[in-house]
C-alpha atoms as a PDB file:
ATOM      1  CA  UNK A   1      71.241 107.908  85.593  1.00  0.00           C
ATOM      2  CA  UNK A   2      73.852 105.356  86.583  1.00  0.00           C
ATOM      3  CA  UNK A   3      76.719 106.815  88.674  1.00  0.00           C
ATOM      4  CA  UNK A   4      80.121 106.880  86.998  1.00  0.00           C
ATOM      5  CA  UNK A   5      81.849 106.653  90.411  1.00  0.00           C
ATOM      6  CA  UNK A   6      80.528 104.839  93.494  1.00  0.00           C
ATOM      7  CA  UNK A   7      82.109 104.424  96.923  1.00  0.00           C
ATOM      8  CA  UNK A   8      80.252 101.890  99.040  1.00  0.00           C
ATOM      9  CA  UNK A   9      81.057 101.873 102.769  1.00  0.00           C
ATOM     10  CA  UNK A  10      84.735 102.558 102.058  1.00  0.00           C
ATOM     11  CA  UNK A  11      87.257 102.635 104.898  1.00  0.00           C
ATOM     12  CA  UNK A  12      91.031 102.999 104.733  1.00  0.00           C
ATOM     13  CA  UNK A  13      93.605 102.259 107.432  1.00  0.00           C
ATOM     14  CA  UNK A  14      97.353 102.805 107.230  1.00  0.00           C
ATOM     15  CA  UNK A  15      99.559 100.215 108.920  1.00  0.00           C
ATOM     16  CA  UNK A  16     102.963 100.894 110.443  1.00  0.00           C
ATOM     17  CA  UNK A  17     105.229  99.384 113.080  1.00  0.00           C
ATOM     18  CA  UNK A  18     103.594 101.658 115.664  1.00  0.00           C
ATOM     19  CA  UNK A  19     100.090 100.447 114.889  1.00  0.00           C
ATOM     20  CA  UNK A  20      97.071 101.197 112.734  1.00  0.00           C
ATOM     21  CA  UNK A  21      95.957 104.691 111.691  1.00  0.00           C
ATOM     22  CA  UNK A  22      92.394 105.131 110.371  1.00  0.00           C
ATOM     23  CA  UNK A  23      92.265 107.589 107.432  1.00  0.00           C
ATOM     24  CA  UNK A  24      88.755 107.140 105.976  1.00  0.00           C
ATOM     25  CA  UNK A  25      85.732 105.640 107.716  1.00  0.00           C
ATOM     26  CA  UNK A  26      82.630 104.097 106.094  1.00  0.00           C
ATOM     27  CA  UNK A  27      82.375 106.583 103.240  1.00  0.00           C
ATOM     28  CA  UNK A  28      79.456 106.387 100.813  1.00  0.00           C
ATOM     29  CA  UNK A  29      79.400 108.619  97.745  1.00  0.00           C
ATOM     30  CA  UNK A  30      78.089 108.548  94.183  1.00  0.00           C
ATOM     31  CA  UNK A  31      79.115 110.826  91.326  1.00  0.00           C
ATOM     32  CA  UNK A  32      77.052 111.152  88.151  1.00  0.00           C
ATOM     33  CA  UNK A  33      78.502 111.512  84.633  1.00  0.00           C
ATOM     34  CA  UNK A  34      79.382 115.132  83.909  1.00  0.00           C
ATOM     35  CA  UNK A  35      79.218 116.221  87.549  1.00  0.00           C
ATOM     36  CA  UNK A  36      81.840 118.436  89.161  1.00  0.00           C
ATOM     37  CA  UNK A  37      82.253 117.426  92.812  1.00  0.00           C
ATOM     38  CA  UNK A  38      84.478 119.158  95.335  1.00  0.00           C
ATOM     39  CA  UNK A  39      85.630 117.482  98.551  1.00  0.00           C
ATOM     40  CA  UNK A  40      86.490 119.750 101.486  1.00  0.00           C
ATOM     41  CA  UNK A  41      87.490 118.903 105.035  1.00  0.00           C
ATOM     42  CA  UNK A  42      89.939 119.796 107.794  1.00  0.00           C
ATOM     43  CA  UNK A  43      93.633 119.620 106.970  1.00  0.00           C
ATOM     44  CA  UNK A  44      94.941 116.056 107.116  1.00  0.00           C
ATOM     45  CA  UNK A  45      91.488 114.481 107.261  1.00  0.00           C
ATOM     46  CA  UNK A  46      92.113 112.047 104.383  1.00  0.00           C
ATOM     47  CA  UNK A  47      90.918 113.936 101.286  1.00  0.00           C
ATOM     48  CA  UNK A  48      93.942 113.031  99.176  1.00  0.00           C
ATOM     49  CA  UNK A  49      93.722 109.416 100.377  1.00  0.00           C
ATOM     50  CA  UNK A  50      90.258 109.242  98.805  1.00  0.00           C
ATOM     51  CA  UNK A  51      91.654 110.388  95.449  1.00  0.00           C
ATOM     52  CA  UNK A  52      94.470 107.840  95.755  1.00  0.00           C
ATOM     53  CA  UNK A  53      91.905 105.073  96.208  1.00  0.00           C
ATOM     54  CA  UNK A  54      89.881 106.307  93.233  1.00  0.00           C
ATOM     55  CA  UNK A  55      93.065 106.359  91.129  1.00  0.00           C
ATOM     56  CA  UNK A  56      93.889 102.796  92.189  1.00  0.00           C
ATOM     57  CA  UNK A  57      97.061 103.833  94.010  1.00  0.00           C
ATOM     58  CA  UNK A  58      95.631 102.570  97.317  1.00  0.00           C
ATOM     59  CA  UNK A  59      93.182  99.764  98.016  1.00  0.00           C
ATOM     60  CA  UNK A  60      90.381 100.318 100.531  1.00  0.00           C
ATOM     61  CA  UNK A  61      90.659  98.360 103.771  1.00  0.00           C
ATOM     62  CA  UNK A  62      86.903  97.810 103.673  1.00  0.00           C
ATOM     63  CA  UNK A  63      84.083  98.475 101.241  1.00  0.00           C
ATOM     64  CA  UNK A  64      84.186  98.744  97.471  1.00  0.00           C
ATOM     65  CA  UNK A  65      84.801 101.315  94.742  1.00  0.00           C
ATOM     66  CA  UNK A  66      83.253 101.128  91.279  1.00  0.00           C
ATOM     67  CA  UNK A  67      84.455 103.336  88.432  1.00  0.00           C
ATOM     68  CA  UNK A  68      82.943 103.267  84.924  1.00  0.00           C
ATOM     69  CA  UNK A  69      85.586 104.920  82.791  1.00  0.00           C
ATOM     70  CA  UNK A  70      89.188 106.007  82.485  1.00  0.00           C
ATOM     71  CA  UNK A  71      90.810 108.178  85.150  1.00  0.00           C
ATOM     72  CA  UNK A  72      93.004 111.242  84.658  1.00  0.00           C
ATOM     73  CA  UNK A  73      94.895 112.569  87.680  1.00  0.00           C
ATOM     74  CA  UNK A  74      96.067 116.183  88.034  1.00  0.00           C
ATOM     75  CA  UNK A  75      98.337 116.780  91.025  1.00  0.00           C
ATOM     76  CA  UNK A  76      99.248 119.861  93.076  1.00  0.00           C
ATOM     77  CA  UNK A  77     102.414 120.511  91.040  1.00  0.00           C
ATOM     78  CA  UNK A  78     102.410 120.590  87.257  1.00  0.00           C
ATOM     79  CA  UNK A  79     105.456 118.257  86.993  1.00  0.00           C
ATOM     80  CA  UNK A  80     106.323 119.587  83.542  1.00  0.00           C
ATOM     81  CA  UNK A  81     109.705 118.388  82.283  1.00  0.00           C
ATOM     82  CA  UNK A  82     111.878 121.471  81.929  1.00  0.00           C
ATOM     83  CA  UNK A  83     113.904 120.073  79.008  1.00  0.00           C
ATOM     84  CA  UNK A  84     110.819 119.327  76.899  1.00  0.00           C
ATOM     85  CA  UNK A  85     108.836 121.860  74.912  1.00  0.00           C
ATOM     86  CA  UNK A  86     105.269 122.698  75.897  1.00  0.00           C
ATOM     87  CA  UNK A  87     103.892 120.591  73.043  1.00  0.00           C
ATOM     88  CA  UNK A  88     106.191 117.723  73.963  1.00  0.00           C
ATOM     89  CA  UNK A  89     105.071 117.939  77.596  1.00  0.00           C
ATOM     90  CA  UNK A  90     101.423 117.892  76.535  1.00  0.00           C
ATOM     91  CA  UNK A  91     102.075 114.734  74.502  1.00  0.00           C
ATOM     92  CA  UNK A  92     103.914 112.939  77.316  1.00  0.00           C
ATOM     93  CA  UNK A  93     100.969 110.889  78.613  1.00  0.00           C
ATOM     94  CA  UNK A  94     100.159 109.665  75.120  1.00  0.00           C
ATOM     95  CA  UNK A  95     103.820 108.800  74.601  1.00  0.00           C
ATOM     96  CA  UNK A  96     103.967 106.764  77.816  1.00  0.00           C
ATOM     97  CA  UNK A  97     100.757 104.929  76.884  1.00  0.00           C
ATOM     98  CA  UNK A  98     102.047 104.355  73.338  1.00  0.00           C
ATOM     99  CA  UNK A  99      99.077 106.230  71.873  1.00  0.00           C
ATOM    100  CA  UNK A 100     100.912 108.801  69.744  1.00  0.00           C
ATOM    101  CA  UNK A 101      98.543 108.407  66.803  1.00  0.00           C
ATOM    102  CA  UNK A 102      98.004 111.161  64.247  1.00  0.00           C
ATOM    103  CA  UNK A 103      94.489 111.673  65.587  1.00  0.00           C
ATOM    104  CA  UNK A 104      95.652 112.060  69.186  1.00  0.00           C
ATOM    105  CA  UNK A 105      98.478 114.419  68.260  1.00  0.00           C
ATOM    106  CA  UNK A 106      96.032 116.582  66.305  1.00  0.00           C
ATOM    107  CA  UNK A 107      93.714 116.568  69.327  1.00  0.00           C
ATOM    108  CA  UNK A 108      96.515 117.903  71.560  1.00  0.00           C
ATOM    109  CA  UNK A 109      97.400 120.590  69.012  1.00  0.00           C
ATOM    110  CA  UNK A 110      93.730 121.591  68.911  1.00  0.00           C
ATOM    111  CA  UNK A 111      93.581 121.832  72.728  1.00  0.00           C
ATOM    112  CA  UNK A 112      96.743 123.954  72.814  1.00  0.00           C
ATOM    113  CA  UNK A 113      95.305 126.339  70.227  1.00  0.00           C
ATOM    114  CA  UNK A 114      91.847 126.401  71.787  1.00  0.00           C
ATOM    115  CA  UNK A 115      93.105 127.235  75.261  1.00  0.00           C
ATOM    116  CA  UNK A 116      95.592 129.964  74.436  1.00  0.00           C
ATOM    117  CA  UNK A 117      98.854 128.013  74.199  1.00  0.00           C
ATOM    118  CA  UNK A 118      99.204 127.675  70.448  1.00  0.00           C
ATOM    119  CA  UNK A 119     101.824 130.418  70.227  1.00  0.00           C
ATOM    120  CA  UNK A 120     103.827 128.819  73.044  1.00  0.00           C
ATOM    121  CA  UNK A 121     104.044 125.232  71.734  1.00  0.00           C
ATOM    122  CA  UNK A 122     107.782 125.391  71.189  1.00  0.00           C
ATOM    123  CA  UNK A 123     108.511 127.322  74.374  1.00  0.00           C
ATOM    124  CA  UNK A 124     109.817 125.629  77.515  1.00  0.00           C
ATOM    125  CA  UNK A 125     108.120 125.485  80.940  1.00  0.00           C
ATOM    126  CA  UNK A 126     110.430 128.090  82.522  1.00  0.00           C
ATOM    127  CA  UNK A 127     109.176 130.604  79.925  1.00  0.00           C
ATOM    128  CA  UNK A 128     105.543 130.273  81.064  1.00  0.00           C
ATOM    129  CA  UNK A 129     103.627 131.750  83.978  1.00  0.00           C
ATOM    130  CA  UNK A 130     102.343 129.479  86.739  1.00  0.00           C
ATOM    131  CA  UNK A 131      98.830 129.676  85.340  1.00  0.00           C
ATOM    132  CA  UNK A 132      99.932 128.738  81.844  1.00  0.00           C
ATOM    133  CA  UNK A 133     101.911 125.802  83.212  1.00  0.00           C
ATOM    134  CA  UNK A 134      98.758 124.517  84.916  1.00  0.00           C
ATOM    135  CA  UNK A 135      96.880 124.759  81.623  1.00  0.00           C
ATOM    136  CA  UNK A 136      99.590 122.635  79.995  1.00  0.00           C
ATOM    137  CA  UNK A 137      99.262 120.097  82.824  1.00  0.00           C
ATOM    138  CA  UNK A 138      95.500 119.936  82.284  1.00  0.00           C
ATOM    139  CA  UNK A 139      95.898 119.483  78.530  1.00  0.00           C
ATOM    140  CA  UNK A 140      98.429 116.701  79.165  1.00  0.00           C
ATOM    141  CA  UNK A 141      95.761 115.043  81.347  1.00  0.00           C
ATOM    142  CA  UNK A 142      92.971 115.613  78.807  1.00  0.00           C
ATOM    143  CA  UNK A 143      95.151 114.279  75.964  1.00  0.00           C
ATOM    144  CA  UNK A 144      94.556 110.657  76.966  1.00  0.00           C
ATOM    145  CA  UNK A 145      90.784 111.343  76.886  1.00  0.00           C
ATOM    146  CA  UNK A 146      89.869 110.356  80.460  1.00  0.00           C
ATOM    147  CA  UNK A 147      86.219 110.132  81.466  1.00  0.00           C
ATOM    148  CA  UNK A 148      86.928 111.245  85.036  1.00  0.00           C
ATOM    149  CA  UNK A 149      89.375 113.888  86.257  1.00  0.00           C
ATOM    150  CA  UNK A 150      90.835 113.735  89.755  1.00  0.00           C
ATOM    151  CA  UNK A 151      92.189 117.113  90.859  1.00  0.00           C
ATOM    152  CA  UNK A 152      94.305 117.226  94.013  1.00  0.00           C
ATOM    153  CA  UNK A 153      94.488 120.921  94.963  1.00  0.00           C
ATOM    154  CA  UNK A 154      95.957 121.851  91.567  1.00  0.00           C
ATOM    155  CA  UNK A 155      95.873 125.604  92.289  1.00  0.00           C
ATOM    156  CA  UNK A 156      97.400 125.597  95.783  1.00  0.00           C
ATOM    157  CA  UNK A 157     100.913 126.577  94.658  1.00  0.00           C
ATOM    158  CA  UNK A 158      99.694 129.749  92.911  1.00  0.00           C
ATOM    159  CA  UNK A 159      99.383 133.207  94.405  1.00  0.00           C
ATOM    160  CA  UNK A 160      95.838 134.334  95.221  1.00  0.00           C
ATOM    161  CA  UNK A 161      95.191 136.478  92.136  1.00  0.00           C
ATOM    162  CA  UNK A 162      96.610 133.869  89.750  1.00  0.00           C
ATOM    163  CA  UNK A 163      94.701 131.149  91.580  1.00  0.00           C
ATOM    164  CA  UNK A 164      91.393 132.943  90.941  1.00  0.00           C
ATOM    165  CA  UNK A 165      91.987 133.329  87.222  1.00  0.00           C
ATOM    166  CA  UNK A 166      93.454 129.842  86.719  1.00  0.00           C
ATOM    167  CA  UNK A 167      90.683 128.061  88.635  1.00  0.00           C
ATOM    168  CA  UNK A 168      88.217 130.025  86.488  1.00  0.00           C
ATOM    169  CA  UNK A 169      89.994 128.978  83.291  1.00  0.00           C
ATOM    170  CA  UNK A 170      90.451 125.337  84.215  1.00  0.00           C
ATOM    171  CA  UNK A 171      86.938 124.989  85.642  1.00  0.00           C
ATOM    172  CA  UNK A 172      85.522 126.372  82.405  1.00  0.00           C
ATOM    173  CA  UNK A 173      87.713 124.059  80.287  1.00  0.00           C
ATOM    174  CA  UNK A 174      86.561 120.990  82.233  1.00  0.00           C
ATOM    175  CA  UNK A 175      82.911 122.024  81.806  1.00  0.00           C
ATOM    176  CA  UNK A 176      83.387 122.677  78.098  1.00  0.00           C
ATOM    177  CA  UNK A 177      85.047 119.290  77.586  1.00  0.00           C
ATOM    178  CA  UNK A 178      82.132 117.613  79.424  1.00  0.00           C
ATOM    179  CA  UNK A 179      84.312 115.742  81.915  1.00  0.00           C
ATOM    180  CA  UNK A 180      83.323 114.342  85.293  1.00  0.00           C
ATOM    181  CA  UNK A 181      85.574 115.946  87.903  1.00  0.00           C
ATOM    182  CA  UNK A 182      86.371 115.321  91.563  1.00  0.00           C
ATOM    183  CA  UNK A 183      88.369 118.139  93.133  1.00  0.00           C
ATOM    184  CA  UNK A 184      90.012 118.149  96.555  1.00  0.00           C
ATOM    185  CA  UNK A 185      90.377 121.659  97.972  1.00  0.00           C
ATOM    186  CA  UNK A 186      90.766 123.479 101.269  1.00  0.00           C
ATOM    187  CA  UNK A 187      89.337 126.664  99.717  1.00  0.00           C
ATOM    188  CA  UNK A 188      85.596 126.954 100.394  1.00  0.00           C
ATOM    189  CA  UNK A 189      85.077 129.753  97.853  1.00  0.00           C
ATOM    190  CA  UNK A 190      86.833 127.706  95.191  1.00  0.00           C
ATOM    191  CA  UNK A 191      84.695 124.671  96.014  1.00  0.00           C
ATOM    192  CA  UNK A 192      81.404 126.578  95.746  1.00  0.00           C
ATOM    193  CA  UNK A 193      82.331 128.434  92.565  1.00  0.00           C
ATOM    194  CA  UNK A 194      83.478 125.315  90.694  1.00  0.00           C
ATOM    195  CA  UNK A 195      81.167 122.565  91.902  1.00  0.00           C
ATOM    196  CA  UNK A 196      77.737 121.075  91.351  1.00  0.00           C
ATOM    197  CA  UNK A 197      78.006 119.613  94.862  1.00  0.00           C
ATOM    198  CA  UNK A 198      80.346 120.208  97.773  1.00  0.00           C
ATOM    199  CA  UNK A 199      81.121 117.166  99.930  1.00  0.00           C
ATOM    200  CA  UNK A 200      82.081 118.079 103.511  1.00  0.00           C
ATOM    201  CA  UNK A 201      84.170 115.589 105.484  1.00  0.00           C
ATOM    202  CA  UNK A 202      84.854 115.312 109.176  1.00  0.00           C
ATOM    203  CA  UNK A 203      88.310 115.325 110.727  1.00  0.00           C
ATOM    204  CA  UNK A 204      90.430 112.175 110.483  1.00  0.00           C
ATOM    205  CA  UNK A 205      89.283 109.558 109.957  1.00  0.00           C
ATOM    206  CA  UNK A 206      87.266 111.176 107.162  1.00  0.00           C
ATOM    207  CA  UNK A 207      83.549 110.560 107.434  1.00  0.00           C
ATOM    208  CA  UNK A 208      80.848 112.051 105.239  1.00  0.00           C
ATOM    209  CA  UNK A 209      79.352 114.938 107.187  1.00  0.00           C
ATOM    210  CA  UNK A 210      77.137 116.686 104.656  1.00  0.00           C
ATOM    211  CA  UNK A 211      76.674 117.241 100.917  1.00  0.00           C
ATOM    212  CA  UNK A 212      75.648 120.675  99.632  1.00  0.00           C
ATOM    213  CA  UNK A 213      74.054 120.793  96.153  1.00  0.00           C
ATOM    214  CA  UNK A 214      75.138 124.159  94.732  1.00  0.00           C
ATOM    215  CA  UNK A 215      72.442 126.153  92.938  1.00  0.00           C
ATOM    216  CA  UNK A 216      73.387 129.721  92.069  1.00  0.00           C
ATOM    217  CA  UNK A 217      71.242 132.276  90.263  1.00  0.00           C
ATOM    218  CA  UNK A 218      73.594 133.589  87.584  1.00  0.00           C
ATOM    219  CA  UNK A 219      72.715 134.196  83.936  1.00  0.00           C
ATOM    220  CA  UNK A 220      75.834 132.665  82.431  1.00  0.00           C
ATOM    221  CA  UNK A 221      78.004 130.276  84.418  1.00  0.00           C
ATOM    222  CA  UNK A 222      81.670 130.795  85.089  1.00  0.00           C
ATOM    223  CA  UNK A 223      83.541 130.129  88.341  1.00  0.00           C
ATOM    224  CA  UNK A 224      84.359 133.846  88.662  1.00  0.00           C
ATOM    225  CA  UNK A 225      80.748 134.941  88.117  1.00  0.00           C
ATOM    226  CA  UNK A 226      79.548 132.275  90.549  1.00  0.00           C
ATOM    227  CA  UNK A 227      81.219 134.225  93.365  1.00  0.00           C
ATOM    228  CA  UNK A 228      78.868 137.139  92.659  1.00  0.00           C
ATOM    229  CA  UNK A 229      75.675 135.089  93.085  1.00  0.00           C
ATOM    230  CA  UNK A 230      73.440 136.141  96.017  1.00  0.00           C
ATOM    231  CA  UNK A 231      73.455 132.577  97.415  1.00  0.00           C
ATOM    232  CA  UNK A 232      77.244 132.335  97.441  1.00  0.00           C
ATOM    233  CA  UNK A 233      77.729 133.801 100.920  1.00  0.00           C
ATOM    234  CA  UNK A 234      75.007 131.566 102.380  1.00  0.00           C
ATOM    235  CA  UNK A 235      76.767 128.456 101.105  1.00  0.00           C
ATOM    236  CA  UNK A 236      80.115 129.772 102.308  1.00  0.00           C
ATOM    237  CA  UNK A 237      78.842 130.423 105.842  1.00  0.00           C
ATOM    238  CA  UNK A 238      77.092 127.045 106.066  1.00  0.00           C
ATOM    239  CA  UNK A 239      80.162 125.086 104.924  1.00  0.00           C
ATOM    240  CA  UNK A 240      82.473 127.181 107.118  1.00  0.00           C
ATOM    241  CA  UNK A 241      80.349 126.346 110.171  1.00  0.00           C
ATOM    242  CA  UNK A 242      80.506 122.628 109.325  1.00  0.00           C
ATOM    243  CA  UNK A 243      84.289 122.759 109.097  1.00  0.00           C
ATOM    244  CA  UNK A 244      84.647 124.997 112.138  1.00  0.00           C
ATOM    245  CA  UNK A 245      82.761 122.441 114.253  1.00  0.00           C
ATOM    246  CA  UNK A 246      85.336 119.809 113.322  1.00  0.00           C
ATOM    247  CA  UNK A 247      88.270 122.135 113.992  1.00  0.00           C
ATOM    248  CA  UNK A 248      86.799 123.048 117.383  1.00  0.00           C
END
């Protein structure tokens, strides 16, 4: 199967008056259609810089990136507009892209109903919980029908209990919609429970250290149930040791 995302020997350097700062070094990575990949690494190692290059916000200093499809980008904050209704917020991306067709509007209404927000369409963001706001942000991203979702720590602003339930919900939605996803996270448990593969990076500049294919013996997949799999702790300990080496 042909990869939907390919990074070939990609390096990134930031330039300033004080000199050059390497952020990513000679990174090679392929992502297949429908895969859910999670990138973990020490704080400040360059994870978000990789997503910025994939989104076209930054150009690599060396190497090449190939993407076969449209990108949707979900950031740490939901960035909902407080003066717009939930439905209006969900339609915002389509509005900006001038794609407010009847078909697309019906698709958004279907997503809102399907994922538990139908009764809140005319509410405003301040009336929703943090988890519900994140669902609206995901639907806004899905509305433009991207092939690939880039997720930059979208659960980090939530408290622990809400984070568990929301990551479970959003992970399941992404799987159900059949999207390719690349998630940046500093949470090892989150990475294992959501991903087909976990990509471990070194400290800055980010280099590919190891890739862990995740295979869990559970009858019916969900991110929450994945945490109960007997292999879960083994993966956690292995990835923790990789990261701990870099921190040390």
